[in-house]
Amino acid sequence: MTLEEFNQLSEKEAFDSLYQCCASEKWASQVSKQRPYSSLQALLWAADQSWEQCGPEDTLEAFAGHPKIGDVKSLAKKYAATKSWAGNEQSGVDAASQSTIEALATGNQEYEKRYGYIFIVCATGKSADEMLDILNSRMNNEAETEFKIARGEQHKITHIRLKKLIA
């Protein structure tokens, strides 16, 4: 949709569109209420400011809106609304070997046990092997450090999705 079309959406429609970009109710509500936007840059700036105001609970809510990397069944079942976007973001998994996909699934389970949320990575342009390397490299981070990294990855994903929304 165009920026003009986005600006003209009802509050609920705008919220729903934004929630597909980032599954934090606080974030989607704040960004929606700041309309109209004069440019995509203005929207991205508002998104950045709203993300900065989100606390740990809001961040975890956003994380919960993601399918697990390599978990295609979860992607199809639980996140139908963002399936095409997330599917394209994870396209590097499609060409992966079965052993890499299994290692990603196992690694994500271990990551979730360790940190309490699924592994978040901006997968756009990354192969499954690259994502596995990133996952393995982040497994020994301190909890606070890892949360900041995951938050940053969520922010990158949100920007990509906003740019797809306003095409």
Protein backbone atom coordinates (compact mmCIF):
# COMPACT_ATOMS: atom_id res chain seq x y z
CA MET A 1 0.00 0.00 0.00
CA THR A 2 1.07 3.60 -0.39
CA LEU A 3 1.83 5.86 2.54
CA GLU A 4 -1.29 7.87 1.71
CA GLU A 5 -3.41 4.70 1.86
CA PHE A 6 -1.79 3.77 5.16
CA ASN A 7 -2.54 7.20 6.59
CA GLN A 8 -6.19 6.80 5.62
CA LEU A 9 -6.71 3.42 7.27
CA SER A 10 -8.97 3.19 10.29
CA GLU A 11 -7.19 3.01 13.64
CA LYS A 12 -7.83 -0.75 13.83
CA GLU A 13 -6.66 -1.38 10.26
CA ALA A 14 -3.50 0.64 10.83
CA PHE A 15 -2.84 -1.15 14.13
CA ASP A 16 -3.36 -4.56 12.47
CA SER A 17 -1.00 -3.66 9.61
CA LEU A 18 1.67 -2.46 12.01
CA TYR A 19 1.21 -5.46 14.29
CA GLN A 20 2.22 -7.65 11.34
CA CYS A 21 5.49 -5.70 11.25
CA CYS A 22 6.13 -5.97 14.99
CA ALA A 23 3.89 -7.97 17.32
CA SER A 24 4.09 -5.53 20.22
CA GLU A 25 0.70 -4.01 21.00
CA LYS A 26 2.28 -0.95 22.62
CA TRP A 27 4.53 -0.33 19.61
CA ALA A 28 1.79 -0.83 17.01
CA SER A 29 -0.60 1.39 18.95
CA GLN A 30 1.92 4.21 19.37
CA VAL A 31 2.97 4.18 15.72
CA SER A 32 -0.63 4.01 14.52
CA LYS A 33 -1.74 6.96 16.67
CA GLN A 34 1.00 9.22 15.29
CA ARG A 35 -0.46 9.18 11.76
CA PRO A 36 -0.53 10.83 9.31
CA TYR A 37 3.07 10.49 8.19
CA SER A 38 4.57 12.79 5.59
CA SER A 39 7.13 10.25 4.36
CA LEU A 40 8.41 6.73 4.86
CA GLN A 41 11.35 8.25 6.74
CA ALA A 42 8.93 9.94 9.15
CA LEU A 43 7.19 6.60 9.72
CA LEU A 44 10.52 4.84 10.33
CA TRP A 45 11.57 7.59 12.75
CA ALA A 46 8.28 7.22 14.68
CA ALA A 47 8.78 3.44 14.68
CA ASP A 48 12.27 3.91 16.13
CA GLN A 49 11.06 6.28 18.83
CA SER A 50 8.18 3.98 19.76
CA TRP A 51 10.52 0.97 19.92
CA GLU A 52 12.79 2.87 22.30
CA GLN A 53 9.80 3.36 24.62
CA CYS A 54 9.01 -0.36 24.68
CA GLY A 55 10.09 -2.24 27.76
CA PRO A 56 11.16 -5.85 28.24
CA GLU A 57 7.56 -7.15 28.29
CA ASP A 58 6.78 -5.39 24.99
CA THR A 59 9.98 -6.77 23.49
CA LEU A 60 9.14 -10.32 24.55
CA GLU A 61 5.66 -9.86 23.07
CA ALA A 62 7.29 -8.87 19.76
CA PHE A 63 9.60 -11.89 19.93
CA ALA A 64 6.62 -14.19 20.48
CA GLY A 65 5.21 -13.04 17.13
CA HIS A 66 7.98 -14.82 15.24
CA PRO A 67 8.12 -18.39 14.00
CA LYS A 68 11.10 -20.36 15.11
CA ILE A 69 13.90 -20.32 12.53
CA GLY A 70 13.60 -23.53 10.53
CA ASP A 71 10.20 -24.41 12.00
CA VAL A 72 8.13 -24.37 8.79
CA LYS A 73 5.08 -25.99 10.44
CA SER A 74 4.95 -23.25 13.05
CA LEU A 75 5.36 -20.66 10.32
CA ALA A 76 2.38 -21.99 8.36
CA LYS A 77 0.13 -22.66 11.36
CA LYS A 78 0.67 -19.97 13.92
CA TYR A 79 1.67 -16.96 11.84
CA ALA A 80 -0.52 -17.06 8.75
CA ALA A 81 -0.83 -13.26 8.72
CA THR A 82 2.91 -12.74 8.28
CA LYS A 83 3.58 -16.01 6.45
CA SER A 84 4.66 -14.50 3.14
CA TRP A 85 6.89 -11.91 4.79
CA ALA A 86 8.50 -14.26 7.30
CA GLY A 87 8.75 -16.99 4.67
CA ASN A 88 10.71 -14.67 2.41
CA GLU A 89 12.82 -13.53 5.34
CA GLN A 90 13.71 -17.15 6.05
CA SER A 91 14.16 -18.17 2.42
CA GLY A 92 17.74 -19.22 3.19
CA VAL A 93 16.34 -22.10 5.21
CA ASP A 94 14.58 -23.54 2.15
CA ALA A 95 17.86 -24.50 0.47
CA ALA A 96 19.39 -25.92 3.65
CA SER A 97 20.34 -29.50 4.23
CA GLN A 98 18.19 -31.56 6.55
CA SER A 99 21.04 -31.72 9.06
CA THR A 100 21.32 -27.90 9.12
CA ILE A 101 17.56 -27.52 9.63
CA GLU A 102 17.66 -30.07 12.45
CA ALA A 103 20.65 -28.29 14.02
CA LEU A 104 18.75 -24.98 13.82
CA ALA A 105 15.70 -26.54 15.46
CA THR A 106 17.81 -28.12 18.21
CA GLY A 107 19.84 -24.96 18.69
CA ASN A 108 16.68 -22.88 18.95
CA GLN A 109 15.35 -25.21 21.66
CA GLU A 110 18.59 -24.86 23.61
CA TYR A 111 18.56 -21.09 23.09
CA GLU A 112 14.96 -20.84 24.32
CA LYS A 113 15.80 -22.88 27.43
CA ARG A 114 18.77 -20.66 28.15
CA TYR A 115 17.21 -17.24 27.47
CA GLY A 116 13.46 -17.79 27.81
CA TYR A 117 12.52 -16.72 24.28
CA ILE A 118 13.12 -17.95 20.75
CA PHE A 119 16.22 -17.09 18.78
CA ILE A 120 15.65 -13.78 16.97
CA VAL A 121 17.80 -12.96 13.97
CA CYS A 122 17.20 -10.79 10.93
CA ALA A 123 17.36 -13.68 8.49
CA THR A 124 17.04 -11.64 5.30
CA GLY A 125 19.87 -12.52 2.95
CA LYS A 126 21.34 -15.16 5.25
CA SER A 127 21.70 -18.83 4.46
CA ALA A 128 20.66 -21.47 6.98
CA ASP A 129 24.34 -22.22 7.63
CA GLU A 130 24.96 -18.53 8.39
CA MET A 131 21.98 -18.45 10.76
CA LEU A 132 23.27 -21.58 12.50
CA ASP A 133 26.70 -19.95 12.90
CA ILE A 134 25.06 -16.82 14.36
CA LEU A 135 22.94 -18.92 16.72
CA ASN A 136 25.98 -20.85 17.91
CA SER A 137 28.01 -17.65 18.36
CA ARG A 138 25.30 -16.10 20.55
CA MET A 139 24.67 -19.11 22.82
CA ASN A 140 27.27 -18.10 25.39
CA ASN A 141 26.27 -14.45 25.71
CA GLU A 142 25.25 -13.07 29.07
CA ALA A 143 21.45 -12.77 29.30
CA GLU A 144 21.46 -8.95 29.26
CA THR A 145 23.81 -8.80 26.28
CA GLU A 146 21.79 -11.32 24.34
CA PHE A 147 18.53 -9.52 25.04
CA LYS A 148 20.02 -6.29 23.61
CA ILE A 149 21.24 -8.14 20.52
CA ALA A 150 17.86 -9.82 19.99
CA ARG A 151 16.11 -6.45 20.46
CA GLY A 152 18.36 -4.99 17.77
CA GLU A 153 17.55 -7.87 15.43
CA GLN A 154 13.83 -7.31 16.05
CA HIS A 155 14.32 -3.65 15.15
CA LYS A 156 15.98 -4.59 11.83
CA ILE A 157 13.13 -6.98 11.02
CA THR A 158 10.55 -4.32 11.82
CA HIS A 159 12.22 -1.84 9.45
CA ILE A 160 12.25 -4.38 6.65
CA ARG A 161 8.59 -5.18 7.20
CA LEU A 162 7.58 -1.51 7.36
CA LYS A 163 9.30 -0.93 4.02
CA LYS A 164 7.40 -3.90 2.58
CA LEU A 165 4.15 -2.56 4.02
CA ILE A 166 4.65 0.85 2.42
CA ALA A 167 5.74 -0.21 -1.05
